[in-house]
Amino acid sequence: DGHIINLQARPGMVAGDYRIGAIAT
């Protein structure tokens, strides 16, 4: 249970094995 602050992730971005860091907190 919780919530996300300062959501920056948007459809079209690429994430996965070669992306360093998280997409949201």
PDB file of all heavy atoms in Angstrom:
ATOM      1  N   ASP A   1       0.841  -1.192   0.000  1.00  0.00           N
ATOM      2  CA  ASP A   1       0.000   0.000   0.000  1.00  0.00           C
ATOM      3  C   ASP A   1       0.877   1.242   0.000  1.00  0.00           C
ATOM      4  O   ASP A   1       1.875   1.317   0.731  1.00  0.00           O
ATOM      5  CB  ASP A   1      -0.908   0.018   1.231  1.00  0.00           C
ATOM      6  CG  ASP A   1      -1.908  -1.132   1.222  1.00  0.00           C
ATOM      7  OD1 ASP A   1      -2.034  -1.790   0.174  1.00  0.00           O
ATOM      8  OD2 ASP A   1      -2.560  -1.356   2.250  1.00  0.00           O
ATOM      9  N   GLY A   2       0.511   2.237  -0.797  1.00  0.00           N
ATOM     10  CA  GLY A   2       1.288   3.474  -0.853  1.00  0.00           C
ATOM     11  C   GLY A   2       0.823   4.359  -1.988  1.00  0.00           C
ATOM     12  O   GLY A   2      -0.324   4.290  -2.443  1.00  0.00           O
ATOM     13  N   HIS A   3       1.737   5.183  -2.479  1.00  0.00           N
ATOM     14  CA  HIS A   3       1.436   6.066  -3.604  1.00  0.00           C
ATOM     15  C   HIS A   3       2.740   6.480  -4.268  1.00  0.00           C
ATOM     16  O   HIS A   3       3.829   6.289  -3.721  1.00  0.00           O
ATOM     17  CB  HIS A   3       0.664   7.303  -3.135  1.00  0.00           C
ATOM     18  CG  HIS A   3       1.400   8.137  -2.131  1.00  0.00           C
ATOM     19  ND1 HIS A   3       1.471   7.803  -0.791  1.00  0.00           N
ATOM     20  CD2 HIS A   3       2.125   9.281  -2.270  1.00  0.00           C
ATOM     21  CE1 HIS A   3       2.186   8.704  -0.145  1.00  0.00           C
ATOM     22  NE2 HIS A   3       2.601   9.613  -1.023  1.00  0.00           N
ATOM     23  N   ILE A   4       2.622   7.028  -5.463  1.00  0.00           N
ATOM     24  CA  ILE A   4       3.774   7.481  -6.234  1.00  0.00           C
ATOM     25  C   ILE A   4       3.756   9.005  -6.301  1.00  0.00           C
ATOM     26  O   ILE A   4       2.738   9.620  -6.608  1.00  0.00           O
ATOM     27  CB  ILE A   4       3.765   6.893  -7.653  1.00  0.00           C
ATOM     28  CG1 ILE A   4       3.927   5.371  -7.598  1.00  0.00           C
ATOM     29  CG2 ILE A   4       4.866   7.490  -8.501  1.00  0.00           C
ATOM     30  CD1 ILE A   4       3.879   4.695  -8.948  1.00  0.00           C
ATOM     31  N   ILE A   5       4.918   9.600  -5.984  1.00  0.00           N
ATOM     32  CA  ILE A   5       5.073  11.053  -6.068  1.00  0.00           C
ATOM     33  C   ILE A   5       5.909  11.386  -7.299  1.00  0.00           C
ATOM     34  O   ILE A   5       6.812  10.633  -7.675  1.00  0.00           O
ATOM     35  CB  ILE A   5       5.768  11.609  -4.805  1.00  0.00           C
ATOM     36  CG1 ILE A   5       5.045  11.142  -3.540  1.00  0.00           C
ATOM     37  CG2 ILE A   5       5.790  13.120  -4.816  1.00  0.00           C
ATOM     38  CD1 ILE A   5       5.723  11.599  -2.272  1.00  0.00           C
ATOM     39  N   ASN A   6       5.616  12.529  -7.911  1.00  0.00           N
ATOM     40  CA  ASN A   6       6.424  13.016  -9.034  1.00  0.00           C
ATOM     41  C   ASN A   6       6.552  11.955 -10.125  1.00  0.00           C
ATOM     42  O   ASN A   6       7.636  11.562 -10.530  1.00  0.00           O
ATOM     43  CB  ASN A   6       7.810  13.447  -8.539  1.00  0.00           C
ATOM     44  CG  ASN A   6       8.601  14.160  -9.623  1.00  0.00           C
ATOM     45  OD1 ASN A   6       8.023  14.774 -10.513  1.00  0.00           O
ATOM     46  ND2 ASN A   6       9.917  14.074  -9.545  1.00  0.00           N
ATOM     47  N   LEU A   7       5.419  11.487 -10.601  1.00  0.00           N
ATOM     48  CA  LEU A   7       5.395  10.457 -11.638  1.00  0.00           C
ATOM     49  C   LEU A   7       5.868  11.036 -12.964  1.00  0.00           C
ATOM     50  O   LEU A   7       5.265  11.959 -13.503  1.00  0.00           O
ATOM     51  CB  LEU A   7       3.973   9.894 -11.775  1.00  0.00           C
ATOM     52  CG  LEU A   7       3.766   8.804 -12.817  1.00  0.00           C
ATOM     53  CD1 LEU A   7       4.618   7.583 -12.494  1.00  0.00           C
ATOM     54  CD2 LEU A   7       2.296   8.431 -12.901  1.00  0.00           C
ATOM     55  N   GLN A   8       6.979  10.498 -13.485  1.00  0.00           N
ATOM     56  CA  GLN A   8       7.568  10.991 -14.729  1.00  0.00           C
ATOM     57  C   GLN A   8       7.495   9.972 -15.863  1.00  0.00           C
ATOM     58  O   GLN A   8       7.750  10.317 -17.009  1.00  0.00           O
ATOM     59  CB  GLN A   8       9.035  11.381 -14.496  1.00  0.00           C
ATOM     60  CG  GLN A   8       9.228  12.520 -13.514  1.00  0.00           C
ATOM     61  CD  GLN A   8       8.643  13.821 -14.023  1.00  0.00           C
ATOM     62  OE1 GLN A   8       8.688  14.110 -15.222  1.00  0.00           O
ATOM     63  NE2 GLN A   8       8.072  14.611 -13.124  1.00  0.00           N
ATOM     64  N   ALA A   9       7.179   8.730 -15.541  1.00  0.00           N
ATOM     65  CA  ALA A   9       7.123   7.696 -16.571  1.00  0.00           C
ATOM     66  C   ALA A   9       5.952   7.961 -17.515  1.00  0.00           C
ATOM     67  O   ALA A   9       4.847   8.288 -17.075  1.00  0.00           O
ATOM     68  CB  ALA A   9       6.978   6.320 -15.928  1.00  0.00           C
ATOM     69  N   ARG A  10       6.201   7.809 -18.826  1.00  0.00           N
ATOM     70  CA  ARG A  10       5.178   8.051 -19.841  1.00  0.00           C
ATOM     71  C   ARG A  10       5.227   6.936 -20.888  1.00  0.00           C
ATOM     72  O   ARG A  10       6.303   6.383 -21.162  1.00  0.00           O
ATOM     73  CB  ARG A  10       5.403   9.408 -20.527  1.00  0.00           C
ATOM     74  CG  ARG A  10       5.147  10.610 -19.624  1.00  0.00           C
ATOM     75  CD  ARG A  10       3.664  10.737 -19.290  1.00  0.00           C
ATOM     76  NE  ARG A  10       3.377  11.919 -18.494  1.00  0.00           N
ATOM     77  CZ  ARG A  10       3.417  11.965 -17.169  1.00  0.00           C
ATOM     78  NH1 ARG A  10       3.752  10.861 -16.499  1.00  0.00           N
ATOM     79  NH2 ARG A  10       3.119  13.053 -16.513  1.00  0.00           N
ATOM     80  N   PRO A  11       4.071   6.600 -21.482  1.00  0.00           N
ATOM     81  CA  PRO A  11       4.092   5.606 -22.554  1.00  0.00           C
ATOM     82  C   PRO A  11       5.031   6.031 -23.676  1.00  0.00           C
ATOM     83  O   PRO A  11       5.074   7.198 -24.062  1.00  0.00           O
ATOM     84  CB  PRO A  11       2.632   5.587 -23.020  1.00  0.00           C
ATOM     85  CG  PRO A  11       1.844   6.030 -21.835  1.00  0.00           C
ATOM     86  CD  PRO A  11       2.702   7.042 -21.146  1.00  0.00           C
ATOM     87  N   GLY A  12       5.800   5.078 -24.166  1.00  0.00           N
ATOM     88  CA  GLY A  12       6.771   5.364 -25.214  1.00  0.00           C
ATOM     89  C   GLY A  12       8.201   5.311 -24.722  1.00  0.00           C
ATOM     90  O   GLY A  12       9.126   5.125 -25.521  1.00  0.00           O
ATOM     91  N   MET A  13       8.413   5.443 -23.412  1.00  0.00           N
ATOM     92  CA  MET A  13       9.772   5.326 -22.896  1.00  0.00           C
ATOM     93  C   MET A  13      10.179   3.860 -22.875  1.00  0.00           C
ATOM     94  O   MET A  13       9.341   2.961 -22.879  1.00  0.00           O
ATOM     95  CB  MET A  13       9.883   5.933 -21.493  1.00  0.00           C
ATOM     96  CG  MET A  13       9.133   5.168 -20.416  1.00  0.00           C
ATOM     97  SD  MET A  13       9.345   5.869 -18.753  1.00  0.00           S
ATOM     98  CE  MET A  13      11.083   5.506 -18.490  1.00  0.00           C
ATOM     99  N   VAL A  14      11.479   3.626 -22.893  1.00  0.00           N
ATOM    100  CA  VAL A  14      12.025   2.272 -22.925  1.00  0.00           C
ATOM    101  C   VAL A  14      12.712   1.999 -21.599  1.00  0.00           C
ATOM    102  O   VAL A  14      13.486   2.819 -21.106  1.00  0.00           O
ATOM    103  CB  VAL A  14      13.010   2.096 -24.096  1.00  0.00           C
ATOM    104  CG1 VAL A  14      13.663   0.717 -24.038  1.00  0.00           C
ATOM    105  CG2 VAL A  14      12.286   2.291 -25.422  1.00  0.00           C
ATOM    106  N   ALA A  15      12.412   0.864 -21.010  1.00  0.00           N
ATOM    107  CA  ALA A  15      13.038   0.454 -19.756  1.00  0.00           C
ATOM    108  C   ALA A  15      13.404  -1.009 -19.865  1.00  0.00           C
ATOM    109  O   ALA A  15      12.912  -1.730 -20.740  1.00  0.00           O
ATOM    110  CB  ALA A  15      12.087   0.682 -18.586  1.00  0.00           C
ATOM    111  N   GLY A  16      14.265  -1.447 -18.975  1.00  0.00           N
ATOM    112  CA  GLY A  16      14.648  -2.853 -19.004  1.00  0.00           C
ATOM    113  C   GLY A  16      16.092  -3.059 -18.640  1.00  0.00           C
ATOM    114  O   GLY A  16      16.662  -2.325 -17.831  1.00  0.00           O
ATOM    115  N   ASP A  17      16.724  -4.025 -19.267  1.00  0.00           N
ATOM    116  CA  ASP A  17      18.047  -4.490 -18.863  1.00  0.00           C
ATOM    117  C   ASP A  17      19.116  -3.419 -18.990  1.00  0.00           C
ATOM    118  O   ASP A  17      20.047  -3.352 -18.196  1.00  0.00           O
ATOM    119  CB  ASP A  17      18.424  -5.709 -19.717  1.00  0.00           C
ATOM    120  CG  ASP A  17      19.712  -6.353 -19.237  1.00  0.00           C
ATOM    121  OD1 ASP A  17      19.832  -6.557 -18.025  1.00  0.00           O
ATOM    122  OD2 ASP A  17      20.579  -6.644 -20.066  1.00  0.00           O
ATOM    123  N   TYR A  18      19.007  -2.530 -19.964  1.00  0.00           N
ATOM    124  CA  TYR A  18      20.075  -1.562 -20.214  1.00  0.00           C
ATOM    125  C   TYR A  18      19.741  -0.169 -19.688  1.00  0.00           C
ATOM    126  O   TYR A  18      20.466   0.770 -19.937  1.00  0.00           O
ATOM    127  CB  TYR A  18      20.373  -1.475 -21.715  1.00  0.00           C
ATOM    128  CG  TYR A  18      20.826  -2.791 -22.280  1.00  0.00           C
ATOM    129  CD1 TYR A  18      19.988  -3.556 -23.072  1.00  0.00           C
ATOM    130  CD2 TYR A  18      22.087  -3.295 -21.976  1.00  0.00           C
ATOM    131  CE1 TYR A  18      20.403  -4.771 -23.584  1.00  0.00           C
ATOM    132  CE2 TYR A  18      22.510  -4.512 -22.473  1.00  0.00           C
ATOM    133  CZ  TYR A  18      21.669  -5.247 -23.279  1.00  0.00           C
ATOM    134  OH  TYR A  18      22.070  -6.460 -23.768  1.00  0.00           O
ATOM    135  N   ARG A  19      18.629  -0.024 -18.974  1.00  0.00           N
ATOM    136  CA  ARG A  19      18.286   1.266 -18.387  1.00  0.00           C
ATOM    137  C   ARG A  19      18.765   1.276 -16.943  1.00  0.00           C
ATOM    138  O   ARG A  19      18.414   0.407 -16.148  1.00  0.00           O
ATOM    139  CB  ARG A  19      16.778   1.512 -18.438  1.00  0.00           C
ATOM    140  CG  ARG A  19      16.396   2.854 -17.816  1.00  0.00           C
ATOM    141  CD  ARG A  19      14.884   3.050 -17.834  1.00  0.00           C
ATOM    142  NE  ARG A  19      14.517   4.249 -17.123  1.00  0.00           N
ATOM    143  CZ  ARG A  19      14.459   5.451 -17.662  1.00  0.00           C
ATOM    144  NH1 ARG A  19      14.761   5.599 -18.936  1.00  0.00           N
ATOM    145  NH2 ARG A  19      14.119   6.511 -16.957  1.00  0.00           N
ATOM    146  N   ILE A  20      19.540   2.277 -16.569  1.00  0.00           N
ATOM    147  CA  ILE A  20      20.091   2.373 -15.224  1.00  0.00           C
ATOM    148  C   ILE A  20      19.142   3.199 -14.366  1.00  0.00           C
ATOM    149  O   ILE A  20      18.772   4.308 -14.724  1.00  0.00           O
ATOM    150  CB  ILE A  20      21.493   3.006 -15.246  1.00  0.00           C
ATOM    151  CG1 ILE A  20      22.430   2.151 -16.106  1.00  0.00           C
ATOM    152  CG2 ILE A  20      22.044   3.144 -13.852  1.00  0.00           C
ATOM    153  CD1 ILE A  20      23.798   2.741 -16.282  1.00  0.00           C
ATOM    154  N   GLY A  21      18.769   2.652 -13.196  1.00  0.00           N
ATOM    155  CA  GLY A  21      17.917   3.384 -12.282  1.00  0.00           C
ATOM    156  C   GLY A  21      16.460   3.004 -12.415  1.00  0.00           C
ATOM    157  O   GLY A  21      16.049   2.265 -13.300  1.00  0.00           O
ATOM    158  N   ALA A  22      15.663   3.530 -11.487  1.00  0.00           N
ATOM    159  CA  ALA A  22      14.247   3.221 -11.437  1.00  0.00           C
ATOM    160  C   ALA A  22      13.462   4.172 -12.325  1.00  0.00           C
ATOM    161  O   ALA A  22      13.937   5.240 -12.706  1.00  0.00           O
ATOM    162  CB  ALA A  22      13.755   3.312  -9.995  1.00  0.00           C
ATOM    163  N   ILE A  23      12.217   3.777 -12.633  1.00  0.00           N
ATOM    164  CA  ILE A  23      11.356   4.635 -13.435  1.00  0.00           C
ATOM    165  C   ILE A  23      10.424   5.455 -12.552  1.00  0.00           C
ATOM    166  O   ILE A  23       9.787   6.395 -13.027  1.00  0.00           O
ATOM    167  CB  ILE A  23      10.526   3.807 -14.434  1.00  0.00           C
ATOM    168  CG1 ILE A  23       9.584   2.843 -13.695  1.00  0.00           C
ATOM    169  CG2 ILE A  23      11.429   3.051 -15.385  1.00  0.00           C
ATOM    170  CD1 ILE A  23       8.616   2.140 -14.595  1.00  0.00           C
ATOM    171  N   ALA A  24      10.324   5.107 -11.258  1.00  0.00           N
ATOM    172  CA  ALA A  24       9.470   5.854 -10.340  1.00  0.00           C
ATOM    173  C   ALA A  24       9.832   5.462  -8.913  1.00  0.00           C
ATOM    174  O   ALA A  24      10.436   4.410  -8.678  1.00  0.00           O
ATOM    175  CB  ALA A  24       7.989   5.585 -10.615  1.00  0.00           C
ATOM    176  N   THR A  25       9.462   6.315  -7.966  1.00  0.00           N
ATOM    177  CA  THR A  25       9.666   6.046  -6.549  1.00  0.00           C
ATOM    178  C   THR A  25       8.317   5.805  -5.898  1.00  0.00           C
ATOM    179  O   THR A  25       7.423   6.654  -5.982  1.00  0.00           O
ATOM    180  CB  THR A  25      10.390   7.210  -5.863  1.00  0.00           C
ATOM    181  OG1 THR A  25      11.679   7.384  -6.457  1.00  0.00           O
ATOM    182  CG2 THR A  25      10.561   6.936  -4.377  1.00  0.00           C
TER     183      THR A  25
END
